PDB file of N, CA and C in Angstrom:
ATOM      1  N   UNK A   1      34.576 -21.363   2.088  1.00  0.00           N
ATOM      2  CA  UNK A   1      33.812 -21.720   2.998  1.00  0.00           C
ATOM      3  C   UNK A   1      32.190 -21.580   3.489  1.00  0.00           C
ATOM      4  N   UNK A   2      32.049 -20.138   2.952  1.00  0.00           N
ATOM      5  CA  UNK A   2      30.777 -19.721   2.840  1.00  0.00           C
ATOM      6  C   UNK A   2      29.604 -20.460   2.314  1.00  0.00           C
ATOM      7  N   UNK A   3      29.978 -21.058   1.188  1.00  0.00           N
ATOM      8  CA  UNK A   3      29.045 -21.668   0.223  1.00  0.00           C
ATOM      9  C   UNK A   3      28.879 -22.989   1.158  1.00  0.00           C
ATOM     10  N   UNK A   4      29.865 -23.685   1.674  1.00  0.00           N
ATOM     11  CA  UNK A   4      29.303 -25.077   2.330  1.00  0.00           C
ATOM     12  C   UNK A   4      28.786 -24.729   3.514  1.00  0.00           C
ATOM     13  N   UNK A   5      28.826 -23.696   4.337  1.00  0.00           N
ATOM     14  CA  UNK A   5      27.874 -23.339   5.458  1.00  0.00           C
ATOM     15  C   UNK A   5      26.619 -23.245   5.012  1.00  0.00           C
ATOM     16  N   UNK A   6      26.516 -22.377   3.927  1.00  0.00           N
ATOM     17  CA  UNK A   6      25.284 -22.019   3.298  1.00  0.00           C
ATOM     18  C   UNK A   6      24.777 -23.387   3.013  1.00  0.00           C
ATOM     19  N   UNK A   7      25.249 -24.303   2.334  1.00  0.00           N
ATOM     20  CA  UNK A   7      24.788 -25.536   2.048  1.00  0.00           C
ATOM     21  C   UNK A   7      24.298 -26.255   3.284  1.00  0.00           C
ATOM     22  N   UNK A   8      24.913 -26.475   3.932  1.00  0.00           N
ATOM     23  CA  UNK A   8      24.803 -27.324   5.296  1.00  0.00           C
ATOM     24  C   UNK A   8      23.740 -26.461   6.511  1.00  0.00           C
ATOM     25  N   UNK A   9      23.758 -25.427   6.421  1.00  0.00           N
ATOM     26  CA  UNK A   9      22.648 -24.889   7.536  1.00  0.00           C
ATOM     27  C   UNK A   9      21.778 -23.942   6.686  1.00  0.00           C
ATOM     28  N   UNK A  10      21.606 -23.448   5.398  1.00  0.00           N
ATOM     29  CA  UNK A  10      20.876 -22.910   4.906  1.00  0.00           C
ATOM     30  C   UNK A  10      21.143 -21.564   4.750  1.00  0.00           C
ATOM     31  N   UNK A  11      20.721 -20.811   3.840  1.00  0.00           N
ATOM     32  CA  UNK A  11      20.873 -19.206   3.729  1.00  0.00           C
ATOM     33  C   UNK A  11      20.280 -18.572   4.595  1.00  0.00           C
ATOM     34  N   UNK A  12      20.605 -17.317   5.022  1.00  0.00           N
ATOM     35  CA  UNK A  12      19.466 -16.315   5.507  1.00  0.00           C
ATOM     36  C   UNK A  12      18.455 -15.811   4.803  1.00  0.00           C
ATOM     37  N   UNK A  13      17.294 -15.696   4.820  1.00  0.00           N
ATOM     38  CA  UNK A  13      16.225 -15.294   3.993  1.00  0.00           C
ATOM     39  C   UNK A  13      16.766 -13.873   3.651  1.00  0.00           C
ATOM     40  N   UNK A  14      16.525 -13.130   2.420  1.00  0.00           N
ATOM     41  CA  UNK A  14      16.884 -11.973   2.029  1.00  0.00           C
ATOM     42  C   UNK A  14      15.847 -11.032   2.297  1.00  0.00           C
ATOM     43  N   UNK A  15      14.504 -11.527   3.117  1.00  0.00           N
ATOM     44  CA  UNK A  15      13.398 -10.713   2.676  1.00  0.00           C
ATOM     45  C   UNK A  15      13.047  -9.912   4.107  1.00  0.00           C
ATOM     46  N   UNK A  16      14.056 -10.142   5.271  1.00  0.00           N
ATOM     47  CA  UNK A  16      14.074  -9.406   6.629  1.00  0.00           C
ATOM     48  C   UNK A  16      15.495  -8.361   6.532  1.00  0.00           C
ATOM     49  N   UNK A  17      15.041  -7.594   7.193  1.00  0.00           N
ATOM     50  CA  UNK A  17      16.086  -6.352   7.429  1.00  0.00           C
ATOM     51  C   UNK A  17      16.767  -6.855   8.793  1.00  0.00           C
ATOM     52  N   UNK A  18      17.578  -5.558   9.229  1.00  0.00           N
ATOM     53  CA  UNK A  18      18.342  -6.023  10.414  1.00  0.00           C
ATOM     54  C   UNK A  18      17.335  -5.996  11.729  1.00  0.00           C
ATOM     55  N   UNK A  19      16.208  -5.535  11.625  1.00  0.00           N
ATOM     56  CA  UNK A  19      15.296  -5.121  12.717  1.00  0.00           C
ATOM     57  C   UNK A  19      14.102  -6.636  12.687  1.00  0.00           C
ATOM     58  N   UNK A  20      14.367  -7.267  11.827  1.00  0.00           N
ATOM     59  CA  UNK A  20      13.418  -8.166  11.882  1.00  0.00           C
ATOM     60  C   UNK A  20      12.086  -8.101  10.874  1.00  0.00           C
ATOM     61  N   UNK A  21      12.165  -6.856  10.177  1.00  0.00           N
ATOM     62  CA  UNK A  21      10.597  -6.798   9.587  1.00  0.00           C
ATOM     63  C   UNK A  21      10.945  -7.225   8.033  1.00  0.00           C
ATOM     64  N   UNK A  22       9.814  -7.340   7.512  1.00  0.00           N
ATOM     65  CA  UNK A  22       9.662  -7.701   6.172  1.00  0.00           C
ATOM     66  C   UNK A  22      10.321  -6.819   5.317  1.00  0.00           C
ATOM     67  N   UNK A  23      11.251  -6.919   4.527  1.00  0.00           N
ATOM     68  CA  UNK A  23      11.542  -5.883   3.463  1.00  0.00           C
ATOM     69  C   UNK A  23      11.429  -6.425   2.142  1.00  0.00           C
ATOM     70  N   UNK A  24      10.872  -5.246   1.164  1.00  0.00           N
ATOM     71  CA  UNK A  24      10.408  -5.901  -0.200  1.00  0.00           C
ATOM     72  C   UNK A  24      11.007  -4.899  -1.173  1.00  0.00           C
ATOM     73  N   UNK A  25      11.397  -5.354  -2.488  1.00  0.00           N
ATOM     74  CA  UNK A  25      11.985  -4.579  -3.387  1.00  0.00           C
ATOM     75  C   UNK A  25      11.252  -3.692  -4.176  1.00  0.00           C
ATOM     76  N   UNK A  26       9.688  -3.525  -3.723  1.00  0.00           N
ATOM     77  CA  UNK A  26       8.746  -2.818  -4.591  1.00  0.00           C
ATOM     78  C   UNK A  26       8.917  -1.331  -4.022  1.00  0.00           C
ATOM     79  N   UNK A  27       8.439  -0.484  -5.107  1.00  0.00           N
ATOM     80  CA  UNK A  27       8.129   0.948  -4.622  1.00  0.00           C
ATOM     81  C   UNK A  27       6.881   1.037  -3.798  1.00  0.00           C
ATOM     82  N   UNK A  28       7.040   2.203  -2.950  1.00  0.00           N
ATOM     83  CA  UNK A  28       5.926   2.167  -1.848  1.00  0.00           C
ATOM     84  C   UNK A  28       4.599   2.316  -2.353  1.00  0.00           C
ATOM     85  N   UNK A  29       4.430   2.987  -3.597  1.00  0.00           N
ATOM     86  CA  UNK A  29       3.142   3.282  -4.189  1.00  0.00           C
ATOM     87  C   UNK A  29       2.499   1.766  -4.650  1.00  0.00           C
ATOM     88  N   UNK A  30       3.357   0.918  -5.260  1.00  0.00           N
ATOM     89  CA  UNK A  30       3.278  -0.253  -5.973  1.00  0.00           C
ATOM     90  C   UNK A  30       2.593  -1.170  -4.729  1.00  0.00           C
ATOM     91  N   UNK A  31       3.301  -1.074  -3.605  1.00  0.00           N
ATOM     92  CA  UNK A  31       2.953  -2.017  -2.619  1.00  0.00           C
ATOM     93  C   UNK A  31       1.767  -1.701  -1.978  1.00  0.00           C
ATOM     94  N   UNK A  32       1.500  -0.275  -1.636  1.00  0.00           N
ATOM     95  CA  UNK A  32       0.347   0.216  -1.067  1.00  0.00           C
ATOM     96  C   UNK A  32      -0.866  -0.126  -2.132  1.00  0.00           C
ATOM     97  N   UNK A  33      -0.697  -0.006  -3.228  1.00  0.00           N
ATOM     98  CA  UNK A  33      -1.704  -0.509  -4.266  1.00  0.00           C
ATOM     99  C   UNK A  33      -2.091  -2.067  -4.036  1.00  0.00           C
ATOM    100  N   UNK A  34      -1.138  -2.765  -3.846  1.00  0.00           N
ATOM    101  CA  UNK A  34      -1.376  -4.339  -3.979  1.00  0.00           C
ATOM    102  C   UNK A  34      -1.882  -4.479  -2.381  1.00  0.00           C
ATOM    103  N   UNK A  35      -1.377  -3.993  -1.760  1.00  0.00           N
ATOM    104  CA  UNK A  35      -1.969  -3.865  -0.479  1.00  0.00           C
ATOM    105  C   UNK A  35      -3.524  -3.523  -0.052  1.00  0.00           C
ATOM    106  N   UNK A  36      -3.937  -2.435  -0.795  1.00  0.00           N
ATOM    107  CA  UNK A  36      -5.371  -1.913  -0.895  1.00  0.00           C
ATOM    108  C   UNK A  36      -6.036  -2.774  -1.594  1.00  0.00           C
ATOM    109  N   UNK A  37      -5.610  -3.561  -2.706  1.00  0.00           N
ATOM    110  CA  UNK A  37      -6.513  -4.475  -3.106  1.00  0.00           C
ATOM    111  C   UNK A  37      -6.897  -5.550  -2.288  1.00  0.00           C
ATOM    112  N   UNK A  38      -6.083  -6.176  -1.642  1.00  0.00           N
ATOM    113  CA  UNK A  38      -6.757  -7.132  -0.661  1.00  0.00           C
ATOM    114  C   UNK A  38      -7.733  -6.855   0.434  1.00  0.00           C
ATOM    115  N   UNK A  39      -7.327  -5.532   0.935  1.00  0.00           N
ATOM    116  CA  UNK A  39      -8.239  -4.921   2.078  1.00  0.00           C
ATOM    117  C   UNK A  39      -9.405  -4.151   1.638  1.00  0.00           C
ATOM    118  N   UNK A  40      -9.396  -3.903   0.505  1.00  0.00           N
ATOM    119  CA  UNK A  40     -10.701  -3.016   0.248  1.00  0.00           C
ATOM    120  C   UNK A  40     -11.364  -3.676  -1.251  1.00  0.00           C
ATOM    121  N   UNK A  41     -10.682  -4.526  -1.647  1.00  0.00           N
ATOM    122  CA  UNK A  41     -11.386  -5.151  -3.193  1.00  0.00           C
ATOM    123  C   UNK A  41     -12.342  -6.152  -2.739  1.00  0.00           C
ATOM    124  N   UNK A  42     -13.822  -6.169  -3.107  1.00  0.00           N
ATOM    125  CA  UNK A  42     -14.834  -7.042  -2.704  1.00  0.00           C
ATOM    126  C   UNK A  42     -14.586  -8.343  -3.467  1.00  0.00           C
ATOM    127  N   UNK A  43     -13.732  -8.397  -4.439  1.00  0.00           N
ATOM    128  CA  UNK A  43     -13.581  -9.959  -5.024  1.00  0.00           C
ATOM    129  C   UNK A  43     -12.304 -10.666  -3.997  1.00  0.00           C
ATOM    130  N   UNK A  44     -11.753 -10.120  -2.937  1.00  0.00           N
ATOM    131  CA  UNK A  44     -10.790 -10.836  -2.497  1.00  0.00           C
ATOM    132  C   UNK A  44     -11.568 -11.086  -0.864  1.00  0.00           C
ATOM    133  N   UNK A  45     -12.574 -10.524  -0.571  1.00  0.00           N
ATOM    134  CA  UNK A  45     -13.152 -10.523   0.671  1.00  0.00           C
ATOM    135  C   UNK A  45     -13.708 -12.247   0.974  1.00  0.00           C
ATOM    136  N   UNK A  46     -13.089 -12.818   1.989  1.00  0.00           N
ATOM    137  CA  UNK A  46     -13.635 -14.009   2.364  1.00  0.00           C
ATOM    138  C   UNK A  46     -15.042 -14.199   2.516  1.00  0.00           C
ATOM    139  N   UNK A  47     -15.634 -13.034   2.900  1.00  0.00           N
ATOM    140  CA  UNK A  47     -16.988 -13.132   3.556  1.00  0.00           C
ATOM    141  C   UNK A  47     -17.869 -13.283   2.147  1.00  0.00           C
ATOM    142  N   UNK A  48     -17.555 -12.797   1.073  1.00  0.00           N
ATOM    143  CA  UNK A  48     -18.289 -12.979  -0.429  1.00  0.00           C
ATOM    144  C   UNK A  48     -17.906 -14.187  -0.930  1.00  0.00           C
ATOM    145  N   UNK A  49     -17.541 -15.310  -0.460  1.00  0.00           N
ATOM    146  CA  UNK A  49     -16.766 -16.704  -1.034  1.00  0.00           C
ATOM    147  C   UNK A  49     -18.111 -17.422  -1.400  1.00  0.00           C
ATOM    148  N   UNK A  50     -18.330 -17.846  -2.338  1.00  0.00           N
ATOM    149  CA  UNK A  50     -19.655 -18.776  -2.666  1.00  0.00           C
ATOM    150  C   UNK A  50     -19.800 -19.840  -1.697  1.00  0.00           C
ATOM    151  N   UNK A  51     -18.651 -20.390  -1.016  1.00  0.00           N
ATOM    152  CA  UNK A  51     -19.067 -21.370   0.011  1.00  0.00           C
ATOM    153  C   UNK A  51     -19.463 -20.986   0.924  1.00  0.00           C
ATOM    154  N   UNK A  52     -19.338 -19.445   1.697  1.00  0.00           N
ATOM    155  CA  UNK A  52     -20.044 -18.816   2.648  1.00  0.00           C
ATOM    156  C   UNK A  52     -21.408 -18.745   2.331  1.00  0.00           C
ATOM    157  N   UNK A  53     -22.039 -18.890   1.030  1.00  0.00           N
ATOM    158  CA  UNK A  53     -23.545 -18.628   0.854  1.00  0.00           C
ATOM    159  C   UNK A  53     -23.957 -19.969   0.423  1.00  0.00           C
ATOM    160  N   UNK A  54     -23.601 -20.979   0.968  1.00  0.00           N
ATOM    161  CA  UNK A  54     -24.420 -22.237   0.571  1.00  0.00           C
ATOM    162  C   UNK A  54     -25.609 -22.310   1.652  1.00  0.00           C
ATOM    163  N   UNK A  55     -26.545 -23.240   1.283  1.00  0.00           N
ATOM    164  CA  UNK A  55     -27.845 -23.281   1.952  1.00  0.00           C
ATOM    165  C   UNK A  55     -27.527 -23.757   3.391  1.00  0.00           C
ATOM    166  N   UNK A  56     -28.453 -23.079   4.378  1.00  0.00           N
ATOM    167  CA  UNK A  56     -28.151 -23.670   5.594  1.00  0.00           C
ATOM    168  C   UNK A  56     -29.383 -24.844   5.894  1.00  0.00           C
ATOM    169  N   UNK A  57     -28.962 -25.679   6.630  1.00  0.00           N
ATOM    170  CA  UNK A  57     -29.959 -26.705   6.938  1.00  0.00           C
ATOM    171  C   UNK A  57     -30.928 -26.368   8.127  1.00  0.00           C
TER     172      UNK A  57
END
């Protein structure tokens, strides 16, 4: 019966814990390294995107 209900109404996403916060299976060190890469890495900074350096009219 559970599989039929899952098919009809969809499964609950497994990325959220009971408090509604995102849960992941990565160790804290790996997640922090990934998060810091996007916040501190200049190659991921949208302000450095080549489209932002287009000539102004």
